[in-house]
Amino acid sequence: MDTLKVIDTLKVDVAVIGAGTAGLAAYRAVKARGGKAVVIEGGPYGTTCARVGCMPSKLLIAAAEASHAIDRAPGFGVHVDGVKRIDGRQVMARVKAERDRFVGFVIAGVDKIPEADRIRGFAEFVDRNTLQVVNGPRISARSIVIATGSRPNVPPILANLGDRLVINDDVFMWDDLPKSVAVFGPGVIGLELGQSLARLGVRVVVLGRGGRVGPISDPVVKAAAVKAFSRDFCLDPDAHVARVERKGDEVEVEYVNCDGKTVIERFEYVLAATGRTPNIDKLAIANAHLEPGLFGVPAYDRKTLQVGDTPIFIAGDAANDMPLLHEAADEGRIAGENAMRFPAVSPGLRRAPLGVVFSDPQIAIVGGGMAALAKGTFVSGEVSFEDQGRSRVMLRNHGHLCVYGDSADGRFLGAEMVGPDAEHIGHLLAWALQARMTVAQMLDMPFYHPVVEEGLRTALRDLDAKLREARKIAA
């Protein structure tokens, strides 16, 4: 700390480290309650979502969907004369232009924050109530909110690839589409970007380890997902990679595939989509004497966002709980409110868990899915979308839905789905979960004809019948 130049000392009610979605929500919550707050940011303004996450990825997905619509048109008897041409430079120009527009909105919001409340620089803990900004002021705060976000994790096997290695941030800086990409990690980022690139004419292989596919934990749903995605690109969720080696301007990857065969392929780029790491390691958090948890994140209460009984709170991706924009906004607000009212903290509203992957078919996980349920306490109902009426009409009949109910009281517990319009069905199910509805009550709701949601009704009917049988056996 003696190398830091202390320019000034500020006293505030709450200091917020990080000006992303969670940090800005925390700052606004403090100001709404009349508190004096500062927000500290060492990196570029503009949230992860706007700059390198949700929005640019959806722009790439939109281009891929346009390309795929042409590819599947012959299935309806609609034929396009001539050769389809994808202009990679035009695709990426739109992605970057619209991305910059979204980032501009965020920056405009930050610019509305009084200049005195914005501090540029990287902060370190001096103690639980004091921060030192590198080449900036020392800040004394009654409470502190950590909202420093996260960064892509790159495994050692990929570390020596130089400029042939990219992360999702880099993809959205491309001027043109590459010819080939090996994607390491079939998680949310890997599936969305891998499928989009494949539909835009890029040769793509997506490799995982351990069989994971996105956030799916139900084996029936996972099998349907692998079947559906394999139509677009090579997906091996349990590949055993032996070697990743740079060869000139290419990368050679050697792995054993799911059939036990050794495969050696070369790619223009390798995309590391192998998870994210919370930005906690450079905060000198040891000076605050906090109990460390997973990935160095201090242990905290997810309902109050308070770290132990200290005046420190944590929110957003830094908390390493649910790295989703709407969750980050909620966490930031809760953390900011509790930081302002410390030590009289109270639980904030945590909404029913909902996660969506914008692949095609989409993935939706409600209530944490099967992984969040204790074995023997729930019953599962299901439906395949392969023969679902509206899905077949649209030639989108791929995927599977599993819904879960409490075998004791018939209450709806959650769902996992890969299928058409999963983003919308996921919302309906999350609302039902938060309202603590029973499966019987859900079946009393209207289902129009002909819609994809009729598939949901089929799954709920299957679940309801199994719940009734379970209660008969229990009686």
Protein backbone atom coordinates (compact mmCIF):
# COMPACT_ATOMS: atom_id res chain seq x y z
CA MET A 1 0.00 0.00 0.00
CA ASP A 2 2.97 2.37 0.51
CA THR A 3 3.37 2.65 -3.28
CA LEU A 4 -0.06 4.26 -3.63
CA LYS A 5 -0.33 7.98 -3.94
CA VAL A 6 -2.96 9.30 -1.55
CA ILE A 7 -4.41 12.44 -3.11
CA ASP A 8 -7.40 13.09 -0.91
CA THR A 9 -9.74 11.53 1.64
CA LEU A 10 -13.48 11.25 1.15
CA LYS A 11 -16.10 10.36 3.73
CA VAL A 12 -19.32 8.79 2.45
CA ASP A 13 -22.18 6.66 3.67
CA VAL A 14 -21.64 3.96 1.03
CA ALA A 15 -18.80 3.28 -1.40
CA VAL A 16 -19.69 1.10 -4.38
CA ILE A 17 -16.86 -0.69 -6.19
CA GLY A 18 -17.88 -1.26 -9.80
CA ALA A 19 -20.13 0.63 -12.21
CA GLY A 20 -21.83 -2.31 -13.89
CA THR A 21 -25.48 -3.31 -13.58
CA ALA A 22 -25.22 -4.27 -9.89
CA GLY A 23 -23.02 -1.33 -8.93
CA LEU A 24 -25.24 1.26 -10.57
CA ALA A 25 -28.33 -0.29 -8.96
CA ALA A 26 -26.63 -0.15 -5.55
CA TYR A 27 -25.60 3.47 -6.05
CA ARG A 28 -29.13 4.50 -7.05
CA ALA A 29 -30.62 2.67 -4.06
CA VAL A 30 -28.36 4.62 -1.69
CA LYS A 31 -29.11 7.95 -3.35
CA ALA A 32 -32.86 7.23 -3.30
CA ARG A 33 -32.59 7.02 0.49
CA GLY A 34 -30.76 10.29 0.79
CA GLY A 35 -27.32 8.80 1.35
CA LYS A 36 -23.95 10.10 0.23
CA ALA A 37 -22.37 7.58 -2.14
CA VAL A 38 -19.56 7.18 -4.62
CA VAL A 39 -19.17 4.63 -7.38
CA ILE A 40 -15.61 3.52 -8.23
CA GLU A 41 -14.72 2.08 -11.63
CA GLY A 42 -11.27 1.17 -12.95
CA GLY A 43 -12.34 -0.26 -16.30
CA PRO A 44 -14.42 1.10 -19.18
CA TYR A 45 -17.96 2.24 -18.48
CA GLY A 46 -20.68 0.10 -19.99
CA THR A 47 -22.09 -3.05 -18.45
CA THR A 48 -20.97 -6.59 -19.32
CA CYS A 49 -24.43 -7.16 -20.79
CA ALA A 50 -24.28 -4.20 -23.15
CA ARG A 51 -20.61 -4.38 -24.09
CA VAL A 52 -19.71 -8.08 -24.40
CA GLY A 53 -22.69 -10.10 -23.17
CA CYS A 54 -26.44 -10.19 -23.64
CA MET A 55 -26.92 -7.59 -26.35
CA PRO A 56 -24.06 -8.20 -28.84
CA SER A 57 -24.62 -11.95 -28.59
CA LYS A 58 -28.31 -11.48 -29.44
CA LEU A 59 -27.31 -9.34 -32.42
CA LEU A 60 -25.14 -12.19 -33.72
CA ILE A 61 -27.94 -14.66 -32.99
CA ALA A 62 -30.41 -12.50 -34.94
CA ALA A 63 -28.15 -12.61 -38.00
CA ALA A 64 -27.81 -16.38 -37.61
CA GLU A 65 -31.58 -16.79 -37.37
CA ALA A 66 -32.02 -14.85 -40.62
CA SER A 67 -29.57 -17.20 -42.33
CA HIS A 68 -31.23 -20.28 -40.85
CA ALA A 69 -34.68 -19.12 -41.99
CA ILE A 70 -33.42 -19.31 -45.57
CA ASP A 71 -31.95 -22.77 -44.97
CA ARG A 72 -35.21 -24.23 -43.68
CA ALA A 73 -37.49 -22.49 -46.16
CA PRO A 74 -37.49 -25.48 -48.58
CA GLY A 75 -39.20 -27.49 -45.84
CA PHE A 76 -42.26 -25.30 -46.45
CA GLY A 77 -41.95 -25.61 -50.23
CA VAL A 78 -40.34 -22.17 -50.45
CA HIS A 79 -37.16 -22.17 -52.56
CA VAL A 80 -34.62 -19.40 -52.96
CA ASP A 81 -33.03 -19.25 -56.41
CA GLY A 82 -29.29 -18.75 -56.54
CA VAL A 83 -26.67 -19.10 -53.81
CA LYS A 84 -27.11 -17.72 -50.32
CA ARG A 85 -24.32 -15.27 -49.54
CA ILE A 86 -23.30 -14.23 -46.05
CA ASP A 87 -21.33 -11.00 -45.87
CA GLY A 88 -19.30 -11.47 -42.70
CA ARG A 89 -18.11 -7.87 -42.66
CA GLN A 90 -21.66 -6.59 -42.91
CA VAL A 91 -22.80 -8.97 -40.17
CA MET A 92 -20.07 -7.80 -37.79
CA ALA A 93 -20.51 -4.14 -38.72
CA ARG A 94 -24.14 -4.28 -37.59
CA VAL A 95 -23.24 -6.21 -34.44
CA LYS A 96 -20.66 -3.61 -33.45
CA ALA A 97 -22.75 -0.59 -34.42
CA GLU A 98 -25.79 -1.72 -32.46
CA ARG A 99 -23.56 -2.87 -29.57
CA ASP A 100 -22.03 0.60 -29.40
CA ARG A 101 -25.51 2.09 -29.38
CA PHE A 102 -26.51 -0.02 -26.35
CA VAL A 103 -23.26 0.82 -24.58
CA GLY A 104 -23.92 4.49 -25.35
CA PHE A 105 -27.21 4.33 -23.45
CA VAL A 106 -25.40 2.93 -20.40
CA ILE A 107 -22.65 5.54 -20.58
CA ALA A 108 -25.25 8.28 -20.91
CA GLY A 109 -26.81 7.02 -17.68
CA VAL A 110 -23.43 7.05 -15.94
CA ASP A 111 -22.79 10.58 -17.19
CA LYS A 112 -25.92 11.71 -15.34
CA ILE A 113 -24.28 10.73 -12.06
CA PRO A 114 -22.72 13.84 -10.46
CA GLU A 115 -19.03 14.00 -11.27
CA ALA A 116 -18.16 14.18 -7.58
CA ASP A 117 -19.81 10.77 -7.11
CA ARG A 118 -17.76 9.10 -9.88
CA ILE A 119 -14.23 7.98 -9.10
CA ARG A 120 -11.98 6.50 -11.78
CA GLY A 121 -9.46 3.92 -10.66
CA PHE A 122 -9.01 0.53 -9.03
CA ALA A 123 -9.87 0.22 -5.35
CA GLU A 124 -8.23 -1.86 -2.62
CA PHE A 125 -9.39 -2.52 0.93
CA VAL A 126 -7.41 -0.91 3.72
CA ASP A 127 -9.86 -2.25 6.30
CA ARG A 128 -13.59 -2.98 6.45
CA ASN A 129 -14.53 0.69 6.23
CA THR A 130 -11.70 2.10 4.15
CA LEU A 131 -10.73 1.89 0.49
CA GLN A 132 -7.69 3.23 -1.30
CA VAL A 133 -8.06 4.06 -4.98
CA VAL A 134 -4.80 3.63 -6.90
CA ASN A 135 -3.55 7.14 -7.69
CA GLY A 136 -6.77 8.46 -6.22
CA PRO A 137 -8.47 9.25 -2.95
CA ARG A 138 -8.73 7.24 0.21
CA ILE A 139 -12.38 6.65 0.99
CA SER A 140 -13.88 6.20 4.42
CA ALA A 141 -17.33 4.61 4.20
CA ARG A 142 -19.88 3.45 6.72
CA SER A 143 -20.61 0.55 4.33
CA ILE A 144 -19.05 -0.83 1.16
CA VAL A 145 -20.67 -2.68 -1.77
CA ILE A 146 -18.51 -4.98 -3.90
CA ALA A 147 -19.90 -5.11 -7.45
CA THR A 148 -16.76 -5.74 -9.48
CA GLY A 149 -18.24 -8.23 -11.94
CA SER A 150 -16.38 -11.17 -13.46
CA ARG A 151 -14.03 -12.06 -16.30
CA PRO A 152 -13.69 -15.06 -18.64
CA ASN A 153 -11.76 -18.00 -17.27
CA VAL A 154 -9.08 -19.47 -19.57
CA PRO A 155 -7.83 -22.99 -18.72
CA PRO A 156 -4.06 -23.63 -18.82
CA ILE A 157 -4.33 -25.91 -21.86
CA LEU A 158 -5.36 -22.87 -23.95
CA ALA A 159 -2.97 -20.33 -22.43
CA ASN A 160 -0.23 -20.40 -25.10
CA LEU A 161 -2.25 -19.79 -28.25
CA GLY A 162 -1.55 -16.07 -28.55
CA ASP A 163 -3.91 -14.19 -30.84
CA ARG A 164 -5.50 -17.44 -32.00
CA LEU A 165 -7.24 -17.62 -28.59
CA VAL A 166 -10.35 -15.49 -28.17
CA ILE A 167 -12.96 -14.94 -25.48
CA ASN A 168 -16.47 -13.68 -26.05
CA ASP A 169 -15.24 -10.07 -25.66
CA ASP A 170 -12.97 -10.56 -28.69
CA VAL A 171 -15.66 -12.09 -30.89
CA PHE A 172 -17.58 -8.82 -30.87
CA MET A 173 -14.49 -6.94 -32.04
CA TRP A 174 -14.07 -9.03 -35.22
CA ASP A 175 -14.35 -7.13 -38.49
CA ASP A 176 -15.19 -10.30 -40.39
CA LEU A 177 -16.30 -13.84 -39.68
CA PRO A 178 -13.55 -16.49 -39.48
CA LYS A 179 -13.57 -19.71 -41.45
CA SER A 180 -13.40 -22.06 -38.45
CA VAL A 181 -13.62 -21.96 -34.64
CA ALA A 182 -13.17 -24.59 -31.94
CA VAL A 183 -15.31 -23.67 -28.96
CA PHE A 184 -14.19 -24.97 -25.59
CA GLY A 185 -17.17 -25.15 -23.24
CA PRO A 186 -20.80 -25.99 -24.14
CA GLY A 187 -22.19 -23.59 -21.55
CA VAL A 188 -24.45 -20.61 -22.23
CA ILE A 189 -21.81 -18.59 -24.09
CA GLY A 190 -20.41 -21.57 -25.98
CA LEU A 191 -23.81 -22.74 -27.20
CA GLU A 192 -25.08 -19.32 -28.22
CA LEU A 193 -21.94 -18.18 -30.03
CA GLY A 194 -21.06 -21.61 -31.40
CA GLN A 195 -24.45 -22.17 -32.99
CA SER A 196 -24.64 -18.60 -34.31
CA LEU A 197 -21.25 -18.85 -35.98
CA ALA A 198 -22.14 -22.25 -37.44
CA ARG A 199 -25.36 -20.89 -38.96
CA LEU A 200 -23.37 -18.03 -40.45
CA GLY A 201 -21.15 -20.43 -42.36
CA VAL A 202 -18.28 -20.88 -39.90
CA ARG A 203 -17.03 -24.44 -39.35
CA VAL A 204 -17.62 -24.97 -35.63
CA VAL A 205 -16.84 -27.72 -33.15
CA VAL A 206 -18.01 -27.33 -29.55
CA LEU A 207 -16.12 -29.43 -27.01
CA GLY A 208 -16.98 -30.02 -23.36
CA ARG A 209 -15.90 -32.26 -20.53
CA GLY A 210 -18.10 -34.22 -18.16
CA GLY A 211 -21.20 -34.19 -20.37
CA ARG A 212 -22.52 -30.77 -19.39
CA VAL A 213 -24.75 -28.98 -21.91
CA GLY A 214 -25.64 -25.43 -20.90
CA PRO A 215 -27.31 -25.25 -17.47
CA ILE A 216 -29.25 -28.51 -18.03
CA SER A 217 -29.19 -31.11 -15.24
CA ASP A 218 -32.12 -33.35 -16.29
CA PRO A 219 -30.68 -36.23 -18.39
CA VAL A 220 -33.83 -36.50 -20.54
CA VAL A 221 -33.70 -32.83 -21.46
CA LYS A 222 -29.95 -32.97 -22.01
CA ALA A 223 -30.29 -35.86 -24.46
CA ALA A 224 -32.89 -33.90 -26.43
CA ALA A 225 -30.61 -30.85 -26.46
CA VAL A 226 -27.63 -32.80 -27.81
CA LYS A 227 -29.83 -34.30 -30.53
CA ALA A 228 -31.18 -30.89 -31.53
CA PHE A 229 -27.89 -28.97 -31.50
CA SER A 230 -26.02 -31.69 -33.37
CA ARG A 231 -28.08 -30.80 -36.44
CA ASP A 232 -26.22 -27.49 -36.70
CA PHE A 233 -22.71 -28.15 -35.47
CA CYS A 234 -20.44 -30.80 -34.05
CA LEU A 235 -21.17 -30.97 -30.32
CA ASP A 236 -19.21 -33.31 -28.07
CA PRO A 237 -20.06 -32.55 -24.42
CA ASP A 238 -17.58 -35.12 -23.08
CA ALA A 239 -14.53 -34.86 -25.29
CA HIS A 240 -11.14 -35.85 -23.91
CA VAL A 241 -8.73 -33.24 -25.25
CA ALA A 242 -5.16 -34.50 -25.48
CA ARG A 243 -3.46 -31.57 -27.15
CA VAL A 244 -4.09 -27.96 -28.21
CA GLU A 245 -1.17 -26.59 -30.17
CA ARG A 246 -0.58 -23.54 -32.30
CA LYS A 247 0.55 -24.27 -35.84
CA GLY A 248 1.38 -21.03 -37.63
CA ASP A 249 -1.85 -19.06 -37.95
CA GLU A 250 -3.97 -22.05 -36.96
CA VAL A 251 -4.59 -24.15 -33.86
CA GLU A 252 -4.44 -27.92 -33.96
CA VAL A 253 -6.73 -29.74 -31.55
CA GLU A 254 -6.44 -33.44 -30.78
CA TYR A 255 -9.21 -35.10 -28.81
CA VAL A 256 -11.00 -38.39 -28.28
CA ASN A 257 -14.66 -38.02 -29.22
CA CYS A 258 -17.75 -39.65 -27.72
CA ASP A 259 -17.30 -42.66 -30.02
CA GLY A 260 -13.81 -43.30 -28.68
CA LYS A 261 -12.12 -42.14 -31.89
CA THR A 262 -9.11 -39.83 -31.95
CA VAL A 263 -9.80 -36.67 -33.94
CA ILE A 264 -7.19 -34.14 -35.08
CA GLU A 265 -8.49 -30.89 -36.59
CA ARG A 266 -7.18 -27.40 -37.28
CA PHE A 267 -9.05 -24.15 -36.64
CA GLU A 268 -8.51 -20.49 -37.30
CA TYR A 269 -9.46 -19.62 -33.72
CA VAL A 270 -10.14 -21.24 -30.38
CA LEU A 271 -12.93 -19.65 -28.34
CA ALA A 272 -12.61 -20.14 -24.59
CA ALA A 273 -16.15 -20.33 -23.20
CA THR A 274 -15.09 -22.14 -20.04
CA GLY A 275 -16.84 -20.11 -17.38
CA ARG A 276 -16.13 -16.82 -15.61
CA THR A 277 -14.14 -15.85 -12.55
CA PRO A 278 -15.34 -13.21 -10.04
CA ASN A 279 -13.19 -10.07 -10.00
CA ILE A 280 -12.26 -10.35 -6.34
CA ASP A 281 -8.56 -11.13 -6.43
CA LYS A 282 -7.26 -7.56 -6.84
CA LEU A 283 -9.25 -5.94 -4.04
CA ALA A 284 -6.74 -6.77 -1.26
CA ILE A 285 -9.75 -8.30 0.41
CA ALA A 286 -7.57 -9.96 3.05
CA ASN A 287 -7.19 -6.52 4.66
CA ALA A 288 -10.90 -6.64 5.49
CA HIS A 289 -10.48 -10.01 7.27
CA LEU A 290 -13.46 -11.63 5.56
CA GLU A 291 -14.22 -15.33 5.60
CA PRO A 292 -13.33 -16.65 2.11
CA GLY A 293 -15.70 -18.86 0.14
CA LEU A 294 -15.66 -20.47 -3.32
CA PHE A 295 -13.37 -18.73 -5.86
CA GLY A 296 -12.25 -16.33 -3.14
CA VAL A 297 -15.70 -14.76 -2.87
CA PRO A 298 -16.37 -13.90 0.79
CA ALA A 299 -19.20 -15.84 2.41
CA TYR A 300 -22.45 -13.86 2.38
CA ASP A 301 -26.21 -14.11 2.93
CA ARG A 302 -27.90 -14.24 -0.49
CA LYS A 303 -31.10 -12.70 0.91
CA THR A 304 -29.43 -9.63 2.40
CA LEU A 305 -26.17 -9.71 0.38
CA GLN A 306 -24.31 -8.94 3.62
CA VAL A 307 -20.88 -10.48 4.13
CA GLY A 308 -21.03 -12.09 7.57
CA ASP A 309 -21.94 -9.42 10.11
CA THR A 310 -19.69 -6.81 8.49
CA PRO A 311 -20.57 -3.49 6.81
CA ILE A 312 -19.58 -5.05 3.48
CA PHE A 313 -22.08 -6.26 0.86
CA ILE A 314 -21.61 -8.02 -2.46
CA ALA A 315 -23.76 -8.12 -5.60
CA GLY A 316 -23.82 -9.11 -9.26
CA ASP A 317 -21.32 -11.40 -10.97
CA ALA A 318 -18.82 -10.76 -8.18
CA ALA A 319 -21.16 -12.68 -5.85
CA ASN A 320 -20.89 -15.73 -8.14
CA ASP A 321 -24.51 -16.75 -7.54
CA MET A 322 -26.68 -16.22 -10.63
CA PRO A 323 -24.75 -14.23 -13.26
CA LEU A 324 -27.82 -12.76 -14.97
CA LEU A 325 -28.64 -9.11 -15.59
CA HIS A 326 -32.00 -9.11 -13.81
CA GLU A 327 -30.46 -10.87 -10.82
CA ALA A 328 -27.57 -8.38 -10.76
CA ALA A 329 -30.03 -5.48 -10.76
CA ASP A 330 -32.01 -7.02 -7.88
CA GLU A 331 -28.86 -7.83 -5.92
CA GLY A 332 -27.46 -4.35 -6.42
CA ARG A 333 -30.66 -2.75 -5.17
CA ILE A 334 -30.83 -5.04 -2.12
CA ALA A 335 -27.15 -4.52 -1.33
CA GLY A 336 -27.45 -0.75 -1.70
CA GLU A 337 -30.54 -0.55 0.52
CA ASN A 338 -28.97 -2.69 3.23
CA ALA A 339 -25.65 -0.88 3.02
CA MET A 340 -27.51 2.37 3.62
CA ARG A 341 -29.54 1.06 6.56
CA PHE A 342 -26.65 -0.95 8.10
CA PRO A 343 -26.63 -2.42 10.73
CA ALA A 344 -30.42 -2.83 10.45
CA VAL A 345 -30.31 -5.05 7.36
CA SER A 346 -33.30 -7.07 6.13
CA PRO A 347 -33.95 -9.68 3.42
CA GLY A 348 -34.77 -8.31 -0.01
CA LEU A 349 -37.06 -9.78 -2.67
CA ARG A 350 -35.30 -12.63 -4.48
CA ARG A 351 -37.40 -13.68 -7.42
CA ALA A 352 -38.02 -17.22 -8.61
CA PRO A 353 -34.86 -18.39 -10.40
CA LEU A 354 -35.15 -18.22 -14.19
CA GLY A 355 -32.40 -18.82 -16.71
CA VAL A 356 -32.65 -18.75 -20.51
CA VAL A 357 -30.18 -19.76 -23.22
CA PHE A 358 -30.96 -18.10 -26.56
CA SER A 359 -29.91 -21.04 -28.66
CA ASP A 360 -32.26 -22.73 -31.14
CA PRO A 361 -34.07 -24.54 -29.69
CA GLN A 362 -33.88 -22.35 -26.61
CA ILE A 363 -33.16 -23.61 -23.11
CA ALA A 364 -35.07 -22.50 -20.02
CA ILE A 365 -34.37 -23.50 -16.42
CA VAL A 366 -36.93 -22.57 -13.77
CA GLY A 367 -36.38 -22.85 -10.03
CA GLY A 368 -32.86 -24.17 -10.48
CA GLY A 369 -34.16 -27.19 -12.40
CA MET A 370 -33.78 -30.82 -11.33
CA ALA A 371 -30.39 -30.14 -9.74
CA ALA A 372 -32.02 -27.92 -7.10
CA LEU A 373 -34.45 -30.64 -5.94
CA ALA A 374 -33.81 -33.31 -3.33
CA LYS A 375 -34.23 -36.86 -4.62
CA GLY A 376 -37.42 -38.57 -3.53
CA THR A 377 -39.30 -35.33 -2.88
CA PHE A 378 -40.58 -34.61 -6.38
CA VAL A 379 -42.34 -36.16 -9.36
CA SER A 380 -41.59 -35.30 -13.00
CA GLY A 381 -43.97 -34.79 -15.92
CA GLU A 382 -42.79 -34.43 -19.49
CA VAL A 383 -43.55 -33.79 -23.12
CA SER A 384 -41.59 -34.10 -26.34
CA PHE A 385 -41.92 -31.26 -28.84
CA GLU A 386 -41.21 -33.54 -31.79
CA ASP A 387 -44.92 -34.27 -32.24
CA GLN A 388 -46.37 -31.11 -30.67
CA GLY A 389 -48.86 -29.58 -33.10
CA ARG A 390 -47.84 -25.91 -33.40
CA SER A 391 -44.15 -26.82 -33.22
CA ARG A 392 -44.53 -29.14 -36.24
CA VAL A 393 -46.47 -26.47 -38.13
CA MET A 394 -43.48 -24.12 -37.77
CA LEU A 395 -40.86 -26.85 -38.40
CA ARG A 396 -39.51 -26.13 -34.93
CA ASN A 397 -40.45 -29.49 -33.45
CA HIS A 398 -37.30 -30.24 -31.49
CA GLY A 399 -36.71 -30.58 -27.77
CA HIS A 400 -38.24 -31.75 -24.53
CA LEU A 401 -39.86 -30.26 -21.42
CA CYS A 402 -39.79 -31.69 -17.89
CA VAL A 403 -41.83 -30.12 -15.09
CA TYR A 404 -41.48 -31.00 -11.41
CA GLY A 405 -44.03 -31.11 -8.59
CA ASP A 406 -43.87 -31.73 -4.85
CA SER A 407 -45.04 -35.28 -4.24
CA ALA A 408 -46.45 -34.27 -0.83
CA ASP A 409 -48.62 -31.24 -1.61
CA GLY A 410 -48.73 -31.03 -5.42
CA ARG A 411 -46.98 -27.66 -5.54
CA PHE A 412 -45.08 -26.76 -8.71
CA LEU A 413 -41.31 -26.81 -8.07
CA GLY A 414 -39.62 -25.94 -11.35
CA ALA A 415 -38.78 -27.08 -14.85
CA GLU A 416 -36.11 -27.74 -17.45
CA MET A 417 -36.80 -27.25 -21.12
CA VAL A 418 -35.12 -27.25 -24.49
CA GLY A 419 -37.60 -26.31 -27.18
CA PRO A 420 -39.39 -23.61 -29.17
CA ASP A 421 -40.31 -20.38 -27.37
CA ALA A 422 -38.65 -21.56 -24.16
CA GLU A 423 -38.00 -17.93 -23.16
CA HIS A 424 -41.75 -17.28 -23.00
CA ILE A 425 -42.78 -20.58 -21.42
CA GLY A 426 -40.00 -20.11 -18.88
CA HIS A 427 -41.53 -16.81 -17.80
CA LEU A 428 -44.97 -18.37 -17.32
CA LEU A 429 -43.46 -21.15 -15.20
CA ALA A 430 -41.33 -18.74 -13.15
CA TRP A 431 -44.43 -16.69 -12.36
CA ALA A 432 -46.27 -19.85 -11.30
CA LEU A 433 -43.34 -20.86 -9.10
CA GLN A 434 -43.12 -17.46 -7.43
CA ALA A 435 -46.88 -17.51 -6.84
CA ARG A 436 -46.48 -20.93 -5.17
CA MET A 437 -49.15 -22.45 -7.41
CA THR A 438 -50.03 -26.12 -7.37
CA VAL A 439 -49.95 -28.11 -10.59
CA ALA A 440 -53.74 -28.42 -10.41
CA GLN A 441 -54.06 -24.61 -10.21
CA MET A 442 -51.79 -24.21 -13.22
CA LEU A 443 -54.01 -26.54 -15.23
CA ASP A 444 -56.97 -24.28 -14.41
CA MET A 445 -55.26 -21.48 -16.39
CA PRO A 446 -56.28 -20.85 -20.05
CA PHE A 447 -54.40 -22.57 -22.87
CA TYR A 448 -55.22 -21.29 -26.35
CA HIS A 449 -55.23 -23.45 -29.49
CA PRO A 450 -53.06 -23.92 -31.47
CA VAL A 451 -50.01 -22.68 -29.51
CA VAL A 452 -46.72 -24.14 -28.32
CA GLU A 453 -47.96 -23.72 -24.75
CA GLU A 454 -50.30 -26.65 -25.35
CA GLY A 455 -47.16 -28.74 -24.98
CA LEU A 456 -46.75 -27.27 -21.51
CA ARG A 457 -50.31 -28.33 -20.70
CA THR A 458 -49.50 -31.88 -21.82
CA ALA A 459 -46.49 -31.98 -19.50
CA LEU A 460 -48.52 -30.57 -16.60
CA ARG A 461 -51.27 -33.15 -17.17
CA ASP A 462 -48.64 -35.89 -17.09
CA LEU A 463 -47.22 -34.44 -13.87
CA ASP A 464 -50.67 -34.06 -12.29
CA ALA A 465 -51.53 -37.72 -12.99
CA LYS A 466 -48.25 -38.86 -11.45
CA LEU A 467 -48.76 -36.65 -8.40
CA ARG A 468 -52.21 -38.13 -7.87
CA GLU A 469 -50.77 -41.63 -8.10
CA ALA A 470 -47.99 -40.73 -5.66
CA ARG A 471 -50.53 -39.49 -3.13
CA LYS A 472 -52.56 -42.71 -3.49
CA ILE A 473 -49.45 -44.76 -2.77
CA ALA A 474 -48.57 -42.56 0.21
CA ALA A 475 -52.10 -42.94 1.59
